Amino acid sequence: MVEEIVNEGRVKLHRFNPSGREIWTVVGSRGDQLVIESQPYCTCKHFHFAVLGGRDETCYHLSAVKKAKQASKFVKIEIDDEEYGRFLSMLASDLPPDLV
């Protein structure tokens, strides 16, 4: 599954300019998921219930970002800083209601 996500270009790096802020997302089966690899953190339900619940070490979204970065195989999207707030609002609107 992870390899398929990477090969289909579903891992995205959103880079905001001129600040250089970066947000990673993965298009999963239930929409765009925010991934923070350094934490590690993902907005998917699997992460919240299985990973944080101690049943799994990670989710496939986090694995996909790691693999895409290693292979330099991701979609890079350049966005102006003034769109940052709007982008976060749009991303939050994709989250399931029980996670917001």
PDB file of N, CA and C in Angstrom:
ATOM      1  N   MET A   1       0.827  -1.197   0.000  1.00  0.00           N
ATOM      2  CA  MET A   1       0.000   0.000   0.000  1.00  0.00           C
ATOM      3  C   MET A   1       0.874   1.265   0.000  1.00  0.00           C
ATOM      4  N   VAL A   2       1.916   1.285   0.839  1.00  0.00           N
ATOM      5  CA  VAL A   2       2.785   2.458   0.942  1.00  0.00           C
ATOM      6  C   VAL A   2       3.441   2.747  -0.401  1.00  0.00           C
ATOM      7  N   GLU A   3       3.966   1.704  -1.023  1.00  0.00           N
ATOM      8  CA  GLU A   3       4.634   1.862  -2.316  1.00  0.00           C
ATOM      9  C   GLU A   3       3.665   2.417  -3.366  1.00  0.00           C
ATOM     10  N   GLU A   4       2.456   1.933  -3.338  1.00  0.00           N
ATOM     11  CA  GLU A   4       1.423   2.398  -4.276  1.00  0.00           C
ATOM     12  C   GLU A   4       1.139   3.891  -4.078  1.00  0.00           C
ATOM     13  N   ILE A   5       1.017   4.309  -2.843  1.00  0.00           N
ATOM     14  CA  ILE A   5       0.752   5.721  -2.534  1.00  0.00           C
ATOM     15  C   ILE A   5       1.882   6.602  -3.053  1.00  0.00           C
ATOM     16  N   VAL A   6       3.112   6.182  -2.819  1.00  0.00           N
ATOM     17  CA  VAL A   6       4.272   6.950  -3.271  1.00  0.00           C
ATOM     18  C   VAL A   6       4.304   7.001  -4.795  1.00  0.00           C
ATOM     19  N   ASN A   7       4.140   5.849  -5.435  1.00  0.00           N
ATOM     20  CA  ASN A   7       4.195   5.782  -6.902  1.00  0.00           C
ATOM     21  C   ASN A   7       3.073   6.554  -7.583  1.00  0.00           C
ATOM     22  N   GLU A   8       1.937   6.686  -6.919  1.00  0.00           N
ATOM     23  CA  GLU A   8       0.802   7.420  -7.491  1.00  0.00           C
ATOM     24  C   GLU A   8       0.883   8.925  -7.219  1.00  0.00           C
ATOM     25  N   GLY A   9       1.938   9.378  -6.556  1.00  0.00           N
ATOM     26  CA  GLY A   9       2.097  10.808  -6.286  1.00  0.00           C
ATOM     27  C   GLY A   9       1.122  11.348  -5.263  1.00  0.00           C
ATOM     28  N   ARG A  10       0.753  10.516  -4.293  1.00  0.00           N
ATOM     29  CA  ARG A  10      -0.217  10.934  -3.287  1.00  0.00           C
ATOM     30  C   ARG A  10       0.424  11.517  -2.035  1.00  0.00           C
ATOM     31  N   VAL A  11       1.759  11.591  -2.011  1.00  0.00           N
ATOM     32  CA  VAL A  11       2.480  12.258  -0.921  1.00  0.00           C
ATOM     33  C   VAL A  11       2.824  13.660  -1.415  1.00  0.00           C
ATOM     34  N   LYS A  12       2.437  14.663  -0.627  1.00  0.00           N
ATOM     35  CA  LYS A  12       2.608  16.050  -1.068  1.00  0.00           C
ATOM     36  C   LYS A  12       3.327  16.888  -0.012  1.00  0.00           C
ATOM     37  N   LEU A  13       4.261  17.678  -0.496  1.00  0.00           N
ATOM     38  CA  LEU A  13       4.940  18.663   0.334  1.00  0.00           C
ATOM     39  C   LEU A  13       4.413  20.023  -0.065  1.00  0.00           C
ATOM     40  N   HIS A  14       3.792  20.717   0.872  1.00  0.00           N
ATOM     41  CA  HIS A  14       3.274  22.067   0.642  1.00  0.00           C
ATOM     42  C   HIS A  14       4.282  23.018   1.278  1.00  0.00           C
ATOM     43  N   ARG A  15       4.989  23.766   0.449  1.00  0.00           N
ATOM     44  CA  ARG A  15       6.013  24.692   0.949  1.00  0.00           C
ATOM     45  C   ARG A  15       5.491  26.122   0.786  1.00  0.00           C
ATOM     46  N   PHE A  16       5.524  26.849   1.898  1.00  0.00           N
ATOM     47  CA  PHE A  16       5.025  28.225   1.915  1.00  0.00           C
ATOM     48  C   PHE A  16       6.193  29.193   1.778  1.00  0.00           C
ATOM     49  N   ASN A  17       5.993  30.188   0.939  1.00  0.00           N
ATOM     50  CA  ASN A  17       7.050  31.164   0.642  1.00  0.00           C
ATOM     51  C   ASN A  17       6.608  32.577   0.990  1.00  0.00           C
ATOM     52  N   PRO A  18       7.479  33.395   1.500  1.00  0.00           N
ATOM     53  CA  PRO A  18       8.922  33.191   1.614  1.00  0.00           C
ATOM     54  C   PRO A  18       9.359  32.534   2.925  1.00  0.00           C
ATOM     55  N   SER A  19       8.448  32.181   3.825  1.00  0.00           N
ATOM     56  CA  SER A  19       8.837  31.674   5.151  1.00  0.00           C
ATOM     57  C   SER A  19       9.555  30.326   5.103  1.00  0.00           C
ATOM     58  N   GLY A  20       9.239  29.495   4.122  1.00  0.00           N
ATOM     59  CA  GLY A  20       9.830  28.170   4.046  1.00  0.00           C
ATOM     60  C   GLY A  20       9.117  27.128   4.901  1.00  0.00           C
ATOM     61  N   ARG A  21       7.971  27.500   5.513  1.00  0.00           N
ATOM     62  CA  ARG A  21       7.201  26.518   6.294  1.00  0.00           C
ATOM     63  C   ARG A  21       6.791  25.372   5.385  1.00  0.00           C
ATOM     64  N   GLU A  22       6.757  24.174   5.954  1.00  0.00           N
ATOM     65  CA  GLU A  22       6.401  22.993   5.177  1.00  0.00           C
ATOM     66  C   GLU A  22       5.312  22.198   5.886  1.00  0.00           C
ATOM     67  N   ILE A  23       4.368  21.718   5.093  1.00  0.00           N
ATOM     68  CA  ILE A  23       3.319  20.832   5.581  1.00  0.00           C
ATOM     69  C   ILE A  23       3.271  19.635   4.641  1.00  0.00           C
ATOM     70  N   TRP A  24       3.351  18.436   5.222  1.00  0.00           N
ATOM     71  CA  TRP A  24       3.254  17.207   4.452  1.00  0.00           C
ATOM     72  C   TRP A  24       1.832  16.655   4.564  1.00  0.00           C
ATOM     73  N   THR A  25       1.287  16.238   3.439  1.00  0.00           N
ATOM     74  CA  THR A  25      -0.013  15.575   3.445  1.00  0.00           C
ATOM     75  C   THR A  25       0.075  14.313   2.602  1.00  0.00           C
ATOM     76  N   VAL A  26      -0.817  13.388   2.902  1.00  0.00           N
ATOM     77  CA  VAL A  26      -0.937  12.161   2.126  1.00  0.00           C
ATOM     78  C   VAL A  26      -2.406  11.990   1.787  1.00  0.00           C
ATOM     79  N   VAL A  27      -2.681  11.765   0.513  1.00  0.00           N
ATOM     80  CA  VAL A  27      -4.048  11.495   0.096  1.00  0.00           C
ATOM     81  C   VAL A  27      -4.306  10.021   0.386  1.00  0.00           C
ATOM     82  N   GLY A  28      -5.140   9.793   1.373  1.00  0.00           N
ATOM     83  CA  GLY A  28      -5.465   8.431   1.785  1.00  0.00           C
ATOM     84  C   GLY A  28      -6.865   8.049   1.365  1.00  0.00           C
ATOM     85  N   SER A  29      -7.327   6.938   1.885  1.00  0.00           N
ATOM     86  CA  SER A  29      -8.657   6.436   1.521  1.00  0.00           C
ATOM     87  C   SER A  29      -9.779   7.338   2.036  1.00  0.00           C
ATOM     88  N   ARG A  30      -9.477   8.174   3.027  1.00  0.00           N
ATOM     89  CA  ARG A  30     -10.505   9.060   3.596  1.00  0.00           C
ATOM     90  C   ARG A  30     -10.137  10.529   3.468  1.00  0.00           C
ATOM     91  N   GLY A  31      -9.437  10.879   2.385  1.00  0.00           N
ATOM     92  CA  GLY A  31      -9.092  12.276   2.152  1.00  0.00           C
ATOM     93  C   GLY A  31      -7.659  12.589   2.532  1.00  0.00           C
ATOM     94  N   ASP A  32      -7.337  13.871   2.536  1.00  0.00           N
ATOM     95  CA  ASP A  32      -5.980  14.318   2.851  1.00  0.00           C
ATOM     96  C   ASP A  32      -5.714  14.203   4.348  1.00  0.00           C
ATOM     97  N   GLN A  33      -4.567  13.629   4.680  1.00  0.00           N
ATOM     98  CA  GLN A  33      -4.153  13.501   6.069  1.00  0.00           C
ATOM     99  C   GLN A  33      -2.899  14.341   6.292  1.00  0.00           C
ATOM    100  N   LEU A  34      -2.897  15.111   7.351  1.00  0.00           N
ATOM    101  CA  LEU A  34      -1.733  15.887   7.756  1.00  0.00           C
ATOM    102  C   LEU A  34      -0.759  14.944   8.447  1.00  0.00           C
ATOM    103  N   VAL A  35       0.513  14.997   8.034  1.00  0.00           N
ATOM    104  CA  VAL A  35       1.534  14.133   8.606  1.00  0.00           C
ATOM    105  C   VAL A  35       2.686  15.000   9.106  1.00  0.00           C
ATOM    106  N   ILE A  36       3.064  14.780  10.365  1.00  0.00           N
ATOM    107  CA  ILE A  36       4.222  15.465  10.934  1.00  0.00           C
ATOM    108  C   ILE A  36       5.194  14.358  11.340  1.00  0.00           C
ATOM    109  N   GLU A  37       6.115  14.073  10.450  1.00  0.00           N
ATOM    110  CA  GLU A  37       7.018  12.944  10.645  1.00  0.00           C
ATOM    111  C   GLU A  37       7.906  13.122  11.870  1.00  0.00           C
ATOM    112  N   SER A  38       8.327  14.337  12.162  1.00  0.00           N
ATOM    113  CA  SER A  38       9.243  14.569  13.277  1.00  0.00           C
ATOM    114  C   SER A  38       8.613  14.316  14.642  1.00  0.00           C
ATOM    115  N   GLN A  39       7.288  14.289  14.743  1.00  0.00           N
ATOM    116  CA  GLN A  39       6.622  14.138  16.038  1.00  0.00           C
ATOM    117  C   GLN A  39       6.567  12.701  16.558  1.00  0.00           C
ATOM    118  N   PRO A  40       6.271  11.647  15.921  1.00  0.00           N
ATOM    119  CA  PRO A  40       5.488  11.479  14.704  1.00  0.00           C
ATOM    120  C   PRO A  40       3.997  11.671  14.999  1.00  0.00           C
ATOM    121  N   TYR A  41       3.276  12.165  13.960  1.00  0.00           N
ATOM    122  CA  TYR A  41       1.849  12.457  14.122  1.00  0.00           C
ATOM    123  C   TYR A  41       1.155  12.361  12.775  1.00  0.00           C
ATOM    124  N   CYS A  42      -0.067  11.873  12.786  1.00  0.00           N
ATOM    125  CA  CYS A  42      -0.925  11.839  11.597  1.00  0.00           C
ATOM    126  C   CYS A  42      -2.355  12.077  12.044  1.00  0.00           C
ATOM    127  N   THR A  43      -3.142  12.692  11.183  1.00  0.00           N
ATOM    128  CA  THR A  43      -4.533  12.990  11.531  1.00  0.00           C
ATOM    129  C   THR A  43      -5.494  11.841  11.225  1.00  0.00           C
ATOM    130  N   CYS A  44      -4.986  10.713  10.728  1.00  0.00           N
ATOM    131  CA  CYS A  44      -5.892   9.609  10.391  1.00  0.00           C
ATOM    132  C   CYS A  44      -6.430   8.915  11.644  1.00  0.00           C
ATOM    133  N   LYS A  45      -7.561   8.271  11.488  1.00  0.00           N
ATOM    134  CA  LYS A  45      -8.176   7.554  12.614  1.00  0.00           C
ATOM    135  C   LYS A  45      -7.289   6.417  13.115  1.00  0.00           C
ATOM    136  N   HIS A  46      -6.636   5.734  12.197  1.00  0.00           N
ATOM    137  CA  HIS A  46      -5.772   4.620  12.595  1.00  0.00           C
ATOM    138  C   HIS A  46      -4.692   5.100  13.565  1.00  0.00           C
ATOM    139  N   PHE A  47      -4.102   6.255  13.270  1.00  0.00           N
ATOM    140  CA  PHE A  47      -3.075   6.789  14.158  1.00  0.00           C
ATOM    141  C   PHE A  47      -3.665   7.072  15.537  1.00  0.00           C
ATOM    142  N   HIS A  48      -4.823   7.728  15.570  1.00  0.00           N
ATOM    143  CA  HIS A  48      -5.420   8.128  16.847  1.00  0.00           C
ATOM    144  C   HIS A  48      -5.869   6.938  17.694  1.00  0.00           C
ATOM    145  N   PHE A  49      -6.360   5.898  17.046  1.00  0.00           N
ATOM    146  CA  PHE A  49      -6.892   4.790  17.824  1.00  0.00           C
ATOM    147  C   PHE A  49      -5.911   3.629  17.980  1.00  0.00           C
ATOM    148  N   ALA A  50      -5.187   3.255  16.932  1.00  0.00           N
ATOM    149  CA  ALA A  50      -4.289   2.094  17.018  1.00  0.00           C
ATOM    150  C   ALA A  50      -2.873   2.482  17.433  1.00  0.00           C
ATOM    151  N   VAL A  51      -2.345   3.555  16.871  1.00  0.00           N
ATOM    152  CA  VAL A  51      -0.970   3.939  17.200  1.00  0.00           C
ATOM    153  C   VAL A  51      -0.923   4.544  18.606  1.00  0.00           C
ATOM    154  N   LEU A  52      -1.741   5.544  18.853  1.00  0.00           N
ATOM    155  CA  LEU A  52      -1.754   6.148  20.191  1.00  0.00           C
ATOM    156  C   LEU A  52      -2.269   5.173  21.243  1.00  0.00           C
ATOM    157  N   GLY A  53      -3.091   4.208  20.804  1.00  0.00           N
ATOM    158  CA  GLY A  53      -3.598   3.183  21.714  1.00  0.00           C
ATOM    159  C   GLY A  53      -2.594   2.070  21.993  1.00  0.00           C
ATOM    160  N   GLY A  54      -1.438   2.117  21.321  1.00  0.00           N
ATOM    161  CA  GLY A  54      -0.382   1.157  21.583  1.00  0.00           C
ATOM    162  C   GLY A  54      -0.457  -0.146  20.814  1.00  0.00           C
ATOM    163  N   ARG A  55      -1.420  -0.286  19.902  1.00  0.00           N
ATOM    164  CA  ARG A  55      -1.555  -1.537  19.146  1.00  0.00           C
ATOM    165  C   ARG A  55      -0.630  -1.590  17.929  1.00  0.00           C
ATOM    166  N   ASP A  56      -0.304  -0.446  17.333  1.00  0.00           N
ATOM    167  CA  ASP A  56       0.578  -0.378  16.159  1.00  0.00           C
ATOM    168  C   ASP A  56       1.643   0.684  16.386  1.00  0.00           C
ATOM    169  N   GLU A  57       2.766   0.540  15.675  1.00  0.00           N
ATOM    170  CA  GLU A  57       3.848   1.510  15.799  1.00  0.00           C
ATOM    171  C   GLU A  57       3.633   2.752  14.943  1.00  0.00           C
ATOM    172  N   THR A  58       2.980   2.580  13.800  1.00  0.00           N
ATOM    173  CA  THR A  58       2.809   3.707  12.881  1.00  0.00           C
ATOM    174  C   THR A  58       1.604   3.462  11.983  1.00  0.00           C
ATOM    175  N   CYS A  59       1.275   4.457  11.182  1.00  0.00           N
ATOM    176  CA  CYS A  59       0.209   4.320  10.188  1.00  0.00           C
ATOM    177  C   CYS A  59       0.841   4.376   8.795  1.00  0.00           C
ATOM    178  N   TYR A  60       0.077   3.986   7.778  1.00  0.00           N
ATOM    179  CA  TYR A  60       0.647   3.948   6.436  1.00  0.00           C
ATOM    180  C   TYR A  60       0.927   5.344   5.887  1.00  0.00           C
ATOM    181  N   HIS A  61       0.275   6.372   6.399  1.00  0.00           N
ATOM    182  CA  HIS A  61       0.545   7.745   5.937  1.00  0.00           C
ATOM    183  C   HIS A  61       1.954   8.179   6.346  1.00  0.00           C
ATOM    184  N   LEU A  62       2.311   7.930   7.605  1.00  0.00           N
ATOM    185  CA  LEU A  62       3.666   8.244   8.076  1.00  0.00           C
ATOM    186  C   LEU A  62       4.714   7.440   7.307  1.00  0.00           C
ATOM    187  N   SER A  63       4.436   6.171   7.086  1.00  0.00           N
ATOM    188  CA  SER A  63       5.364   5.331   6.327  1.00  0.00           C
ATOM    189  C   SER A  63       5.525   5.837   4.900  1.00  0.00           C
ATOM    190  N   ALA A  64       4.440   6.308   4.302  1.00  0.00           N
ATOM    191  CA  ALA A  64       4.492   6.815   2.927  1.00  0.00           C
ATOM    192  C   ALA A  64       5.337   8.080   2.835  1.00  0.00           C
ATOM    193  N   VAL A  65       5.208   8.987   3.807  1.00  0.00           N
ATOM    194  CA  VAL A  65       6.027  10.206   3.796  1.00  0.00           C
ATOM    195  C   VAL A  65       7.499   9.844   3.929  1.00  0.00           C
ATOM    196  N   LYS A  66       7.808   8.933   4.836  1.00  0.00           N
ATOM    197  CA  LYS A  66       9.201   8.529   5.029  1.00  0.00           C
ATOM    198  C   LYS A  66       9.778   7.939   3.743  1.00  0.00           C
ATOM    199  N   LYS A  67       9.031   7.047   3.112  1.00  0.00           N
ATOM    200  CA  LYS A  67       9.493   6.403   1.881  1.00  0.00           C
ATOM    201  C   LYS A  67       9.622   7.413   0.748  1.00  0.00           C
ATOM    202  N   ALA A  68       8.651   8.311   0.633  1.00  0.00           N
ATOM    203  CA  ALA A  68       8.671   9.319  -0.443  1.00  0.00           C
ATOM    204  C   ALA A  68       9.864  10.257  -0.289  1.00  0.00           C
ATOM    205  N   LYS A  69      10.181  10.630   0.949  1.00  0.00           N
ATOM    206  CA  LYS A  69      11.336  11.495   1.192  1.00  0.00           C
ATOM    207  C   LYS A  69      12.636  10.773   0.852  1.00  0.00           C
ATOM    208  N   GLN A  70      12.739   9.522   1.247  1.00  0.00           N
ATOM    209  CA  GLN A  70      13.944   8.743   0.953  1.00  0.00           C
ATOM    210  C   GLN A  70      14.164   8.601  -0.550  1.00  0.00           C
ATOM    211  N   ALA A  71      13.078   8.425  -1.288  1.00  0.00           N
ATOM    212  CA  ALA A  71      13.161   8.229  -2.735  1.00  0.00           C
ATOM    213  C   ALA A  71      13.064   9.545  -3.509  1.00  0.00           C
ATOM    214  N   SER A  72      12.891  10.664  -2.793  1.00  0.00           N
ATOM    215  CA  SER A  72      12.651  11.970  -3.442  1.00  0.00           C
ATOM    216  C   SER A  72      11.530  11.856  -4.471  1.00  0.00           C
ATOM    217  N   LYS A  73      10.458  11.226  -4.048  1.00  0.00           N
ATOM    218  CA  LYS A  73       9.333  10.955  -4.947  1.00  0.00           C
ATOM    219  C   LYS A  73       8.032  11.464  -4.325  1.00  0.00           C
ATOM    220  N   PHE A  74       7.856  12.774  -4.379  1.00  0.00           N
ATOM    221  CA  PHE A  74       6.654  13.399  -3.826  1.00  0.00           C
ATOM    222  C   PHE A  74       6.316  14.612  -4.676  1.00  0.00           C
ATOM    223  N   VAL A  75       5.100  15.076  -4.523  1.00  0.00           N
ATOM    224  CA  VAL A  75       4.641  16.256  -5.244  1.00  0.00           C
ATOM    225  C   VAL A  75       4.949  17.475  -4.388  1.00  0.00           C
ATOM    226  N   LYS A  76       5.678  18.424  -4.958  1.00  0.00           N
ATOM    227  CA  LYS A  76       6.024  19.648  -4.224  1.00  0.00           C
ATOM    228  C   LYS A  76       5.133  20.778  -4.732  1.00  0.00           C
ATOM    229  N   ILE A  77       4.448  21.406  -3.801  1.00  0.00           N
ATOM    230  CA  ILE A  77       3.515  22.484  -4.134  1.00  0.00           C
ATOM    231  C   ILE A  77       3.985  23.755  -3.442  1.00  0.00           C
ATOM    232  N   GLU A  78       4.242  24.785  -4.214  1.00  0.00           N
ATOM    233  CA  GLU A  78       4.679  26.079  -3.682  1.00  0.00           C
ATOM    234  C   GLU A  78       3.451  26.960  -3.464  1.00  0.00           C
ATOM    235  N   ILE A  79       3.359  27.559  -2.274  1.00  0.00           N
ATOM    236  CA  ILE A  79       2.199  28.376  -1.904  1.00  0.00           C
ATOM    237  C   ILE A  79       2.708  29.642  -1.223  1.00  0.00           C
ATOM    238  N   ASP A  80       2.054  30.762  -1.472  1.00  0.00           N
ATOM    239  CA  ASP A  80       2.411  32.016  -0.808  1.00  0.00           C
ATOM    240  C   ASP A  80       2.005  31.966   0.661  1.00  0.00           C
ATOM    241  N   ASP A  81       2.809  32.604   1.505  1.00  0.00           N
ATOM    242  CA  ASP A  81       2.540  32.621   2.943  1.00  0.00           C
ATOM    243  C   ASP A  81       1.143  33.136   3.287  1.00  0.00           C
ATOM    244  N   GLU A  82       0.637  34.082   2.516  1.00  0.00           N
ATOM    245  CA  GLU A  82      -0.686  34.628   2.864  1.00  0.00           C
ATOM    246  C   GLU A  82      -1.808  33.594   2.714  1.00  0.00           C
ATOM    247  N   GLU A  83      -1.522  32.463   2.082  1.00  0.00           N
ATOM    248  CA  GLU A  83      -2.510  31.393   1.931  1.00  0.00           C
ATOM    249  C   GLU A  83      -2.444  30.359   3.060  1.00  0.00           C
ATOM    250  N   TYR A  84      -1.487  30.533   3.980  1.00  0.00           N
ATOM    251  CA  TYR A  84      -1.256  29.551   5.042  1.00  0.00           C
ATOM    252  C   TYR A  84      -2.516  29.281   5.876  1.00  0.00           C
ATOM    253  N   GLY A  85      -3.144  30.325   6.376  1.00  0.00           N
ATOM    254  CA  GLY A  85      -4.347  30.165   7.197  1.00  0.00           C
ATOM    255  C   GLY A  85      -5.474  29.502   6.444  1.00  0.00           C
ATOM    256  N   ARG A  86      -5.682  29.901   5.216  1.00  0.00           N
ATOM    257  CA  ARG A  86      -6.738  29.312   4.387  1.00  0.00           C
ATOM    258  C   ARG A  86      -6.447  27.831   4.128  1.00  0.00           C
ATOM    259  N   PHE A  87      -5.176  27.525   3.883  1.00  0.00           N
ATOM    260  CA  PHE A  87      -4.788  26.136   3.644  1.00  0.00           C
ATOM    261  C   PHE A  87      -5.078  25.279   4.879  1.00  0.00           C
ATOM    262  N   LEU A  88      -4.695  25.760   6.063  1.00  0.00           N
ATOM    263  CA  LEU A  88      -4.951  25.003   7.295  1.00  0.00           C
ATOM    264  C   LEU A  88      -6.443  24.810   7.533  1.00  0.00           C
ATOM    265  N   SER A  89      -7.239  25.831   7.245  1.00  0.00           N
ATOM    266  CA  SER A  89      -8.696  25.702   7.394  1.00  0.00           C
ATOM    267  C   SER A  89      -9.250  24.636   6.458  1.00  0.00           C
ATOM    268  N   MET A  90      -8.759  24.637   5.221  1.00  0.00           N
ATOM    269  CA  MET A  90      -9.204  23.647   4.254  1.00  0.00           C
ATOM    270  C   MET A  90      -8.804  22.247   4.702  1.00  0.00           C
ATOM    271  N   LEU A  91      -7.588  22.113   5.191  1.00  0.00           N
ATOM    272  CA  LEU A  91      -7.112  20.820   5.660  1.00  0.00           C
ATOM    273  C   LEU A  91      -7.929  20.344   6.861  1.00  0.00           C
ATOM    274  N   ALA A  92      -8.234  21.241   7.775  1.00  0.00           N
ATOM    275  CA  ALA A  92      -9.040  20.891   8.948  1.00  0.00           C
ATOM    276  C   ALA A  92     -10.450  20.480   8.561  1.00  0.00           C
ATOM    277  N   SER A  93     -10.986  21.064   7.498  1.00  0.00           N
ATOM    278  CA  SER A  93     -12.350  20.713   7.075  1.00  0.00           C
ATOM    279  C   SER A  93     -12.415  19.284   6.536  1.00  0.00           C
ATOM    280  N   ASP A  94     -11.277  18.704   6.152  1.00  0.00           N
ATOM    281  CA  ASP A  94     -11.223  17.319   5.679  1.00  0.00           C
ATOM    282  C   ASP A  94     -11.176  16.304   6.821  1.00  0.00           C
ATOM    283  N   LEU A  95     -10.891  16.779   8.038  1.00  0.00           N
ATOM    284  CA  LEU A  95     -10.751  15.864   9.165  1.00  0.00           C
ATOM    285  C   LEU A  95     -12.108  15.333   9.603  1.00  0.00           C
ATOM    286  N   PRO A  96     -12.146  14.086  10.068  1.00  0.00           N
ATOM    287  CA  PRO A  96     -13.401  13.553  10.589  1.00  0.00           C
ATOM    288  C   PRO A  96     -13.848  14.358  11.799  1.00  0.00           C
ATOM    289  N   PRO A  97     -15.152  14.565  11.975  1.00  0.00           N
ATOM    290  CA  PRO A  97     -15.661  15.396  13.078  1.00  0.00           C
ATOM    291  C   PRO A  97     -15.196  14.953  14.465  1.00  0.00           C
ATOM    292  N   ASP A  98     -14.951  13.661  14.669  1.00  0.00           N
ATOM    293  CA  ASP A  98     -14.538  13.192  15.992  1.00  0.00           C
ATOM    294  C   ASP A  98     -13.066  13.492  16.288  1.00  0.00           C
ATOM    295  N   LEU A  99     -12.311  14.026  15.318  1.00  0.00           N
ATOM    296  CA  LEU A  99     -10.920  14.368  15.552  1.00  0.00           C
ATOM    297  C   LEU A  99     -10.687  15.867  15.618  1.00  0.00           C
ATOM    298  N   VAL A 100     -11.693  16.658  15.342  1.00  0.00           N
ATOM    299  CA  VAL A 100     -11.534  18.118  15.342  1.00  0.00           C
ATOM    300  C   VAL A 100     -11.917  18.668  16.693  1.00  0.00           C
TER     301      VAL A 100
END
